[in-house]
Amino acid sequence: MNTGQEAGSDGRMLRRYDYDDSWVLAADIGASANDVDVDIDIVGTTAIVVADTGSGVTEAEFELPDGDATAEVRNGVVTIEVDR
């Protein structure tokens, strides 16, 4: 397993996990389901994450490896998994 970790300018964490059979991206958006609406679209090998706090909208794009991708948001963490 290989991992990578980054912190954005706002201190929120982004981690990548590279397993033999899958690739996982986990991003702490620091918000509960009551605080923000999050939509995740996967188009080809790009994941588009849009967060609407009611006072503003933030969009981020992530390049994904080839494979079947799934995404979910739970407890303020966006998780995108790609099966190889």
PDB file of N, CA and C in Angstrom:
ATOM      1  N   MET A   1       0.839  -1.172   0.000  1.00  0.00           N
ATOM      2  CA  MET A   1       0.000   0.000   0.000  1.00  0.00           C
ATOM      3  C   MET A   1       0.886   1.238   0.000  1.00  0.00           C
ATOM      4  N   ASN A   2       0.584   2.173  -0.850  1.00  0.00           N
ATOM      5  CA  ASN A   2       1.238   3.469  -0.871  1.00  0.00           C
ATOM      6  C   ASN A   2       0.233   4.515  -0.432  1.00  0.00           C
ATOM      7  N   THR A   3       0.691   5.518   0.317  1.00  0.00           N
ATOM      8  CA  THR A   3      -0.209   6.582   0.747  1.00  0.00           C
ATOM      9  C   THR A   3       0.398   7.929   0.420  1.00  0.00           C
ATOM     10  N   GLY A   4      -0.462   8.910   0.288  1.00  0.00           N
ATOM     11  CA  GLY A   4      -0.044  10.289   0.111  1.00  0.00           C
ATOM     12  C   GLY A   4      -0.968  11.164   0.924  1.00  0.00           C
ATOM     13  N   GLN A   5      -0.448  12.243   1.454  1.00  0.00           N
ATOM     14  CA  GLN A   5      -1.260  13.123   2.277  1.00  0.00           C
ATOM     15  C   GLN A   5      -0.932  14.558   1.944  1.00  0.00           C
ATOM     16  N   GLU A   6      -1.967  15.382   1.875  1.00  0.00           N
ATOM     17  CA  GLU A   6      -1.791  16.802   1.620  1.00  0.00           C
ATOM     18  C   GLU A   6      -2.711  17.580   2.546  1.00  0.00           C
ATOM     19  N   ALA A   7      -2.327  18.791   2.868  1.00  0.00           N
ATOM     20  CA  ALA A   7      -3.195  19.689   3.626  1.00  0.00           C
ATOM     21  C   ALA A   7      -3.408  20.939   2.792  1.00  0.00           C
ATOM     22  N   GLY A   8      -4.664  21.324   2.668  1.00  0.00           N
ATOM     23  CA  GLY A   8      -4.980  22.537   1.920  1.00  0.00           C
ATOM     24  C   GLY A   8      -4.660  23.768   2.737  1.00  0.00           C
ATOM     25  N   SER A   9      -4.840  24.922   2.149  1.00  0.00           N
ATOM     26  CA  SER A   9      -4.543  26.175   2.842  1.00  0.00           C
ATOM     27  C   SER A   9      -5.447  26.377   4.049  1.00  0.00           C
ATOM     28  N   ASP A  10      -6.612  25.707   4.055  1.00  0.00           N
ATOM     29  CA  ASP A  10      -7.517  25.819   5.192  1.00  0.00           C
ATOM     30  C   ASP A  10      -7.277  24.728   6.234  1.00  0.00           C
ATOM     31  N   GLY A  11      -6.248  23.898   6.043  1.00  0.00           N
ATOM     32  CA  GLY A  11      -5.893  22.877   7.007  1.00  0.00           C
ATOM     33  C   GLY A  11      -6.641  21.570   6.860  1.00  0.00           C
ATOM     34  N   ARG A  12      -7.520  21.476   5.894  1.00  0.00           N
ATOM     35  CA  ARG A  12      -8.265  20.235   5.694  1.00  0.00           C
ATOM     36  C   ARG A  12      -7.369  19.204   5.023  1.00  0.00           C
ATOM     37  N   MET A  13      -7.600  17.943   5.386  1.00  0.00           N
ATOM     38  CA  MET A  13      -6.712  16.876   4.942  1.00  0.00           C
ATOM     39  C   MET A  13      -7.263  16.133   3.728  1.00  0.00           C
ATOM     40  N   LEU A  14      -6.347  15.697   2.880  1.00  0.00           N
ATOM     41  CA  LEU A  14      -6.650  14.878   1.713  1.00  0.00           C
ATOM     42  C   LEU A  14      -5.649  13.731   1.712  1.00  0.00           C
ATOM     43  N   ARG A  15      -6.156  12.497   1.673  1.00  0.00           N
ATOM     44  CA  ARG A  15      -5.267  11.335   1.661  1.00  0.00           C
ATOM     45  C   ARG A  15      -5.584  10.447   0.477  1.00  0.00           C
ATOM     46  N   ARG A  16      -4.527   9.877  -0.091  1.00  0.00           N
ATOM     47  CA  ARG A  16      -4.659   8.908  -1.186  1.00  0.00           C
ATOM     48  C   ARG A  16      -4.051   7.590  -0.722  1.00  0.00           C
ATOM     49  N   TYR A  17      -4.768   6.516  -0.998  1.00  0.00           N
ATOM     50  CA  TYR A  17      -4.298   5.178  -0.672  1.00  0.00           C
ATOM     51  C   TYR A  17      -4.251   4.377  -1.962  1.00  0.00           C
ATOM     52  N   ASP A  18      -3.134   3.759  -2.243  1.00  0.00           N
ATOM     53  CA  ASP A  18      -2.961   2.968  -3.460  1.00  0.00           C
ATOM     54  C   ASP A  18      -2.745   1.513  -3.057  1.00  0.00           C
ATOM     55  N   TYR A  19      -3.787   0.687  -3.251  1.00  0.00           N
ATOM     56  CA  TYR A  19      -3.729  -0.735  -2.939  1.00  0.00           C
ATOM     57  C   TYR A  19      -3.529  -1.517  -4.232  1.00  0.00           C
ATOM     58  N   ASP A  20      -3.262  -2.813  -4.119  1.00  0.00           N
ATOM     59  CA  ASP A  20      -3.087  -3.652  -5.308  1.00  0.00           C
ATOM     60  C   ASP A  20      -4.347  -3.695  -6.168  1.00  0.00           C
ATOM     61  N   ASP A  21      -5.520  -3.755  -5.524  1.00  0.00           N
ATOM     62  CA  ASP A  21      -6.771  -3.912  -6.263  1.00  0.00           C
ATOM     63  C   ASP A  21      -7.669  -2.680  -6.268  1.00  0.00           C
ATOM     64  N   SER A  22      -7.258  -1.610  -5.593  1.00  0.00           N
ATOM     65  CA  SER A  22      -8.078  -0.393  -5.570  1.00  0.00           C
ATOM     66  C   SER A  22      -7.232   0.832  -5.244  1.00  0.00           C
ATOM     67  N   TRP A  23      -7.844   1.984  -5.495  1.00  0.00           N
ATOM     68  CA  TRP A  23      -7.235   3.286  -5.215  1.00  0.00           C
ATOM     69  C   TRP A  23      -8.291   4.084  -4.473  1.00  0.00           C
ATOM     70  N   VAL A  24      -7.927   4.735  -3.364  1.00  0.00           N
ATOM     71  CA  VAL A  24      -8.903   5.437  -2.536  1.00  0.00           C
ATOM     72  C   VAL A  24      -8.425   6.859  -2.285  1.00  0.00           C
ATOM     73  N   LEU A  25      -9.358   7.803  -2.419  1.00  0.00           N
ATOM     74  CA  LEU A  25      -9.122   9.204  -2.080  1.00  0.00           C
ATOM     75  C   LEU A  25     -10.085   9.553  -0.962  1.00  0.00           C
ATOM     76  N   ALA A  26      -9.577  10.074   0.148  1.00  0.00           N
ATOM     77  CA  ALA A  26     -10.412  10.492   1.269  1.00  0.00           C
ATOM     78  C   ALA A  26     -10.096  11.946   1.582  1.00  0.00           C
ATOM     79  N   ALA A  27     -11.136  12.782   1.580  1.00  0.00           N
ATOM     80  CA  ALA A  27     -10.955  14.211   1.828  1.00  0.00           C
ATOM     81  C   ALA A  27     -11.878  14.651   2.950  1.00  0.00           C
ATOM     82  N   ASP A  28     -11.314  15.235   3.985  1.00  0.00           N
ATOM     83  CA  ASP A  28     -12.099  15.768   5.099  1.00  0.00           C
ATOM     84  C   ASP A  28     -12.583  17.156   4.712  1.00  0.00           C
ATOM     85  N   ILE A  29     -13.897  17.280   4.481  1.00  0.00           N
ATOM     86  CA  ILE A  29     -14.430  18.594   4.124  1.00  0.00           C
ATOM     87  C   ILE A  29     -14.893  19.353   5.353  1.00  0.00           C
ATOM     88  N   GLY A  30     -14.796  18.715   6.526  1.00  0.00           N
ATOM     89  CA  GLY A  30     -15.051  19.400   7.781  1.00  0.00           C
ATOM     90  C   GLY A  30     -16.465  19.899   7.955  1.00  0.00           C
ATOM     91  N   ALA A  31     -17.436  19.168   7.460  1.00  0.00           N
ATOM     92  CA  ALA A  31     -18.821  19.607   7.573  1.00  0.00           C
ATOM     93  C   ALA A  31     -19.724  18.397   7.712  1.00  0.00           C
ATOM     94  N   SER A  32     -20.802  18.581   8.442  1.00  0.00           N
ATOM     95  CA  SER A  32     -21.781  17.506   8.554  1.00  0.00           C
ATOM     96  C   SER A  32     -22.825  17.657   7.458  1.00  0.00           C
ATOM     97  N   ALA A  33     -23.657  16.661   7.320  1.00  0.00           N
ATOM     98  CA  ALA A  33     -24.700  16.691   6.292  1.00  0.00           C
ATOM     99  C   ALA A  33     -25.662  17.856   6.504  1.00  0.00           C
ATOM    100  N   ASN A  34     -25.791  18.329   7.733  1.00  0.00           N
ATOM    101  CA  ASN A  34     -26.677  19.460   8.015  1.00  0.00           C
ATOM    102  C   ASN A  34     -26.064  20.791   7.602  1.00  0.00           C
ATOM    103  N   ASP A  35     -24.737  20.850   7.494  1.00  0.00           N
ATOM    104  CA  ASP A  35     -24.042  22.102   7.207  1.00  0.00           C
ATOM    105  C   ASP A  35     -23.845  22.371   5.727  1.00  0.00           C
ATOM    106  N   VAL A  36     -23.765  21.317   4.927  1.00  0.00           N
ATOM    107  CA  VAL A  36     -23.376  21.487   3.526  1.00  0.00           C
ATOM    108  C   VAL A  36     -24.016  20.403   2.657  1.00  0.00           C
ATOM    109  N   ASP A  37     -24.374  20.778   1.436  1.00  0.00           N
ATOM    110  CA  ASP A  37     -24.829  19.811   0.435  1.00  0.00           C
ATOM    111  C   ASP A  37     -23.644  19.487  -0.460  1.00  0.00           C
ATOM    112  N   VAL A  38     -23.323  18.212  -0.594  1.00  0.00           N
ATOM    113  CA  VAL A  38     -22.192  17.785  -1.410  1.00  0.00           C
ATOM    114  C   VAL A  38     -22.699  16.906  -2.546  1.00  0.00           C
ATOM    115  N   ASP A  39     -22.305  17.246  -3.761  1.00  0.00           N
ATOM    116  CA  ASP A  39     -22.598  16.433  -4.936  1.00  0.00           C
ATOM    117  C   ASP A  39     -21.281  15.967  -5.531  1.00  0.00           C
ATOM    118  N   ILE A  40     -21.223  14.699  -5.906  1.00  0.00           N
ATOM    119  CA  ILE A  40     -20.024  14.135  -6.519  1.00  0.00           C
ATOM    120  C   ILE A  40     -20.427  13.512  -7.847  1.00  0.00           C
ATOM    121  N   ASP A  41     -19.812  13.971  -8.914  1.00  0.00           N
ATOM    122  CA  ASP A  41     -20.028  13.405 -10.244  1.00  0.00           C
ATOM    123  C   ASP A  41     -18.717  12.809 -10.721  1.00  0.00           C
ATOM    124  N   ILE A  42     -18.796  11.627 -11.299  1.00  0.00           N
ATOM    125  CA  ILE A  42     -17.617  10.994 -11.876  1.00  0.00           C
ATOM    126  C   ILE A  42     -17.834  10.919 -13.376  1.00  0.00           C
ATOM    127  N   VAL A  43     -16.957  11.606 -14.111  1.00  0.00           N
ATOM    128  CA  VAL A  43     -17.034  11.671 -15.568  1.00  0.00           C
ATOM    129  C   VAL A  43     -15.722  11.122 -16.116  1.00  0.00           C
ATOM    130  N   GLY A  44     -15.777   9.919 -16.679  1.00  0.00           N
ATOM    131  CA  GLY A  44     -14.548   9.296 -17.165  1.00  0.00           C
ATOM    132  C   GLY A  44     -13.597   9.048 -16.016  1.00  0.00           C
ATOM    133  N   THR A  45     -12.430   9.669 -16.070  1.00  0.00           N
ATOM    134  CA  THR A  45     -11.433   9.519 -15.006  1.00  0.00           C
ATOM    135  C   THR A  45     -11.303  10.791 -14.174  1.00  0.00           C
ATOM    136  N   THR A  46     -12.379  11.582 -14.123  1.00  0.00           N
ATOM    137  CA  THR A  46     -12.381  12.810 -13.330  1.00  0.00           C
ATOM    138  C   THR A  46     -13.534  12.780 -12.333  1.00  0.00           C
ATOM    139  N   ALA A  47     -13.234  13.074 -11.071  1.00  0.00           N
ATOM    140  CA  ALA A  47     -14.271  13.230 -10.054  1.00  0.00           C
ATOM    141  C   ALA A  47     -14.453  14.721  -9.810  1.00  0.00           C
ATOM    142  N   ILE A  48     -15.701  15.172  -9.863  1.00  0.00           N
ATOM    143  CA  ILE A  48     -16.024  16.574  -9.627  1.00  0.00           C
ATOM    144  C   ILE A  48     -16.822  16.639  -8.333  1.00  0.00           C
ATOM    145  N   VAL A  49     -16.293  17.355  -7.344  1.00  0.00           N
ATOM    146  CA  VAL A  49     -16.936  17.478  -6.041  1.00  0.00           C
ATOM    147  C   VAL A  49     -17.391  18.918  -5.875  1.00  0.00           C
ATOM    148  N   VAL A  50     -18.695  19.098  -5.638  1.00  0.00           N
ATOM    149  CA  VAL A  50     -19.270  20.428  -5.459  1.00  0.00           C
ATOM    150  C   VAL A  50     -19.895  20.486  -4.072  1.00  0.00           C
ATOM    151  N   ALA A  51     -19.469  21.458  -3.266  1.00  0.00           N
ATOM    152  CA  ALA A  51     -19.994  21.642  -1.918  1.00  0.00           C
ATOM    153  C   ALA A  51     -20.693  22.991  -1.830  1.00  0.00           C
ATOM    154  N   ASP A  52     -21.952  22.975  -1.390  1.00  0.00           N
ATOM    155  CA  ASP A  52     -22.757  24.190  -1.249  1.00  0.00           C
ATOM    156  C   ASP A  52     -23.079  24.386   0.223  1.00  0.00           C
ATOM    157  N   THR A  53     -22.537  25.449   0.814  1.00  0.00           N
ATOM    158  CA  THR A  53     -22.754  25.730   2.230  1.00  0.00           C
ATOM    159  C   THR A  53     -23.945  26.638   2.472  1.00  0.00           C
ATOM    160  N   GLY A  54     -24.587  27.086   1.408  1.00  0.00           N
ATOM    161  CA  GLY A  54     -25.676  28.041   1.540  1.00  0.00           C
ATOM    162  C   GLY A  54     -25.183  29.463   1.386  1.00  0.00           C
ATOM    163  N   SER A  55     -23.945  29.706   1.781  1.00  0.00           N
ATOM    164  CA  SER A  55     -23.357  31.040   1.619  1.00  0.00           C
ATOM    165  C   SER A  55     -22.307  31.065   0.517  1.00  0.00           C
ATOM    166  N   GLY A  56     -22.025  29.901  -0.062  1.00  0.00           N
ATOM    167  CA  GLY A  56     -21.048  29.827  -1.149  1.00  0.00           C
ATOM    168  C   GLY A  56     -20.912  28.415  -1.667  1.00  0.00           C
ATOM    169  N   VAL A  57     -20.401  28.313  -2.886  1.00  0.00           N
ATOM    170  CA  VAL A  57     -20.211  27.015  -3.528  1.00  0.00           C
ATOM    171  C   VAL A  57     -18.728  26.831  -3.822  1.00  0.00           C
ATOM    172  N   THR A  58     -18.204  25.652  -3.488  1.00  0.00           N
ATOM    173  CA  THR A  58     -16.816  25.308  -3.768  1.00  0.00           C
ATOM    174  C   THR A  58     -16.803  24.081  -4.664  1.00  0.00           C
ATOM    175  N   GLU A  59     -15.937  24.099  -5.683  1.00  0.00           N
ATOM    176  CA  GLU A  59     -15.822  22.967  -6.598  1.00  0.00           C
ATOM    177  C   GLU A  59     -14.372  22.520  -6.666  1.00  0.00           C
ATOM    178  N   ALA A  60     -14.173  21.201  -6.680  1.00  0.00           N
ATOM    179  CA  ALA A  60     -12.830  20.636  -6.824  1.00  0.00           C
ATOM    180  C   ALA A  60     -12.900  19.469  -7.791  1.00  0.00           C
ATOM    181  N   GLU A  61     -11.841  19.298  -8.580  1.00  0.00           N
ATOM    182  CA  GLU A  61     -11.752  18.187  -9.522  1.00  0.00           C
ATOM    183  C   GLU A  61     -10.534  17.346  -9.177  1.00  0.00           C
ATOM    184  N   PHE A  62     -10.697  16.033  -9.280  1.00  0.00           N
ATOM    185  CA  PHE A  62      -9.622  15.096  -8.985  1.00  0.00           C
ATOM    186  C   PHE A  62      -9.495  14.121 -10.144  1.00  0.00           C
ATOM    187  N   GLU A  63      -8.270  13.918 -10.615  1.00  0.00           N
ATOM    188  CA  GLU A  63      -8.021  12.917 -11.650  1.00  0.00           C
ATOM    189  C   GLU A  63      -7.946  11.547 -10.982  1.00  0.00           C
ATOM    190  N   LEU A  64      -8.634  10.578 -11.574  1.00  0.00           N
ATOM    191  CA  LEU A  64      -8.696   9.230 -11.037  1.00  0.00           C
ATOM    192  C   LEU A  64      -7.993   8.261 -11.978  1.00  0.00           C
ATOM    193  N   PRO A  65      -7.490   7.154 -11.443  1.00  0.00           N
ATOM    194  CA  PRO A  65      -6.953   6.121 -12.334  1.00  0.00           C
ATOM    195  C   PRO A  65      -8.109   5.418 -13.051  1.00  0.00           C
ATOM    196  N   ASP A  66      -7.797   4.679 -14.107  1.00  0.00           N
ATOM    197  CA  ASP A  66      -8.821   3.917 -14.819  1.00  0.00           C
ATOM    198  C   ASP A  66      -9.424   2.858 -13.904  1.00  0.00           C
ATOM    199  N   GLY A  67     -10.729   2.628 -14.046  1.00  0.00           N
ATOM    200  CA  GLY A  67     -11.423   1.598 -13.276  1.00  0.00           C
ATOM    201  C   GLY A  67     -12.813   2.058 -12.908  1.00  0.00           C
ATOM    202  N   ASP A  68     -13.548   1.188 -12.217  1.00  0.00           N
ATOM    203  CA  ASP A  68     -14.901   1.504 -11.771  1.00  0.00           C
ATOM    204  C   ASP A  68     -14.831   2.312 -10.484  1.00  0.00           C
ATOM    205  N   ALA A  69     -15.397   3.524 -10.500  1.00  0.00           N
ATOM    206  CA  ALA A  69     -15.311   4.425  -9.353  1.00  0.00           C
ATOM    207  C   ALA A  69     -16.656   4.550  -8.648  1.00  0.00           C
ATOM    208  N   THR A  70     -16.599   4.633  -7.317  1.00  0.00           N
ATOM    209  CA  THR A  70     -17.769   4.920  -6.495  1.00  0.00           C
ATOM    210  C   THR A  70     -17.399   6.043  -5.544  1.00  0.00           C
ATOM    211  N   ALA A  71     -18.411   6.788  -5.096  1.00  0.00           N
ATOM    212  CA  ALA A  71     -18.146   7.917  -4.201  1.00  0.00           C
ATOM    213  C   ALA A  71     -19.242   8.011  -3.156  1.00  0.00           C
ATOM    214  N   GLU A  72     -18.871   8.493  -1.970  1.00  0.00           N
ATOM    215  CA  GLU A  72     -19.845   8.722  -0.913  1.00  0.00           C
ATOM    216  C   GLU A  72     -19.336   9.803   0.027  1.00  0.00           C
ATOM    217  N   VAL A  73     -20.272  10.367   0.792  1.00  0.00           N
ATOM    218  CA  VAL A  73     -19.934  11.340   1.828  1.00  0.00           C
ATOM    219  C   VAL A  73     -20.509  10.810   3.129  1.00  0.00           C
ATOM    220  N   ARG A  74     -19.659  10.722   4.149  1.00  0.00           N
ATOM    221  CA  ARG A  74     -20.115  10.254   5.449  1.00  0.00           C
ATOM    222  C   ARG A  74     -19.356  11.000   6.537  1.00  0.00           C
ATOM    223  N   ASN A  75     -20.093  11.614   7.449  1.00  0.00           N
ATOM    224  CA  ASN A  75     -19.501  12.329   8.585  1.00  0.00           C
ATOM    225  C   ASN A  75     -18.474  13.367   8.157  1.00  0.00           C
ATOM    226  N   GLY A  76     -18.764  14.087   7.074  1.00  0.00           N
ATOM    227  CA  GLY A  76     -17.877  15.148   6.625  1.00  0.00           C
ATOM    228  C   GLY A  76     -16.649  14.691   5.865  1.00  0.00           C
ATOM    229  N   VAL A  77     -16.621  13.416   5.469  1.00  0.00           N
ATOM    230  CA  VAL A  77     -15.488  12.885   4.709  1.00  0.00           C
ATOM    231  C   VAL A  77     -15.985  12.382   3.357  1.00  0.00           C
ATOM    232  N   VAL A  78     -15.400  12.916   2.289  1.00  0.00           N
ATOM    233  CA  VAL A  78     -15.684  12.446   0.936  1.00  0.00           C
ATOM    234  C   VAL A  78     -14.725  11.296   0.657  1.00  0.00           C
ATOM    235  N   THR A  79     -15.272  10.156   0.222  1.00  0.00           N
ATOM    236  CA  THR A  79     -14.450   9.001  -0.121  1.00  0.00           C
ATOM    237  C   THR A  79     -14.756   8.583  -1.551  1.00  0.00           C
ATOM    238  N   ILE A  80     -13.717   8.485  -2.360  1.00  0.00           N
ATOM    239  CA  ILE A  80     -13.840   8.015  -3.735  1.00  0.00           C
ATOM    240  C   ILE A  80     -12.952   6.786  -3.858  1.00  0.00           C
ATOM    241  N   GLU A  81     -13.549   5.676  -4.303  1.00  0.00           N
ATOM    242  CA  GLU A  81     -12.799   4.428  -4.447  1.00  0.00           C
ATOM    243  C   GLU A  81     -12.876   3.962  -5.892  1.00  0.00           C
ATOM    244  N   VAL A  82     -11.729   3.566  -6.420  1.00  0.00           N
ATOM    245  CA  VAL A  82     -11.646   3.060  -7.789  1.00  0.00           C
ATOM    246  C   VAL A  82     -11.149   1.623  -7.728  1.00  0.00           C
ATOM    247  N   ASP A  83     -11.994   0.692  -8.204  1.00  0.00           N
ATOM    248  CA  ASP A  83     -11.596  -0.715  -8.297  1.00  0.00           C
ATOM    249  C   ASP A  83     -10.851  -0.918  -9.597  1.00  0.00           C
ATOM    250  N   ARG A  84      -9.742  -1.622  -9.518  1.00  0.00           N
ATOM    251  CA  ARG A  84      -8.939  -1.857 -10.727  1.00  0.00           C
ATOM    252  C   ARG A  84      -9.235  -3.203 -11.320  1.00  0.00           C
TER     253      ARG A  84
END
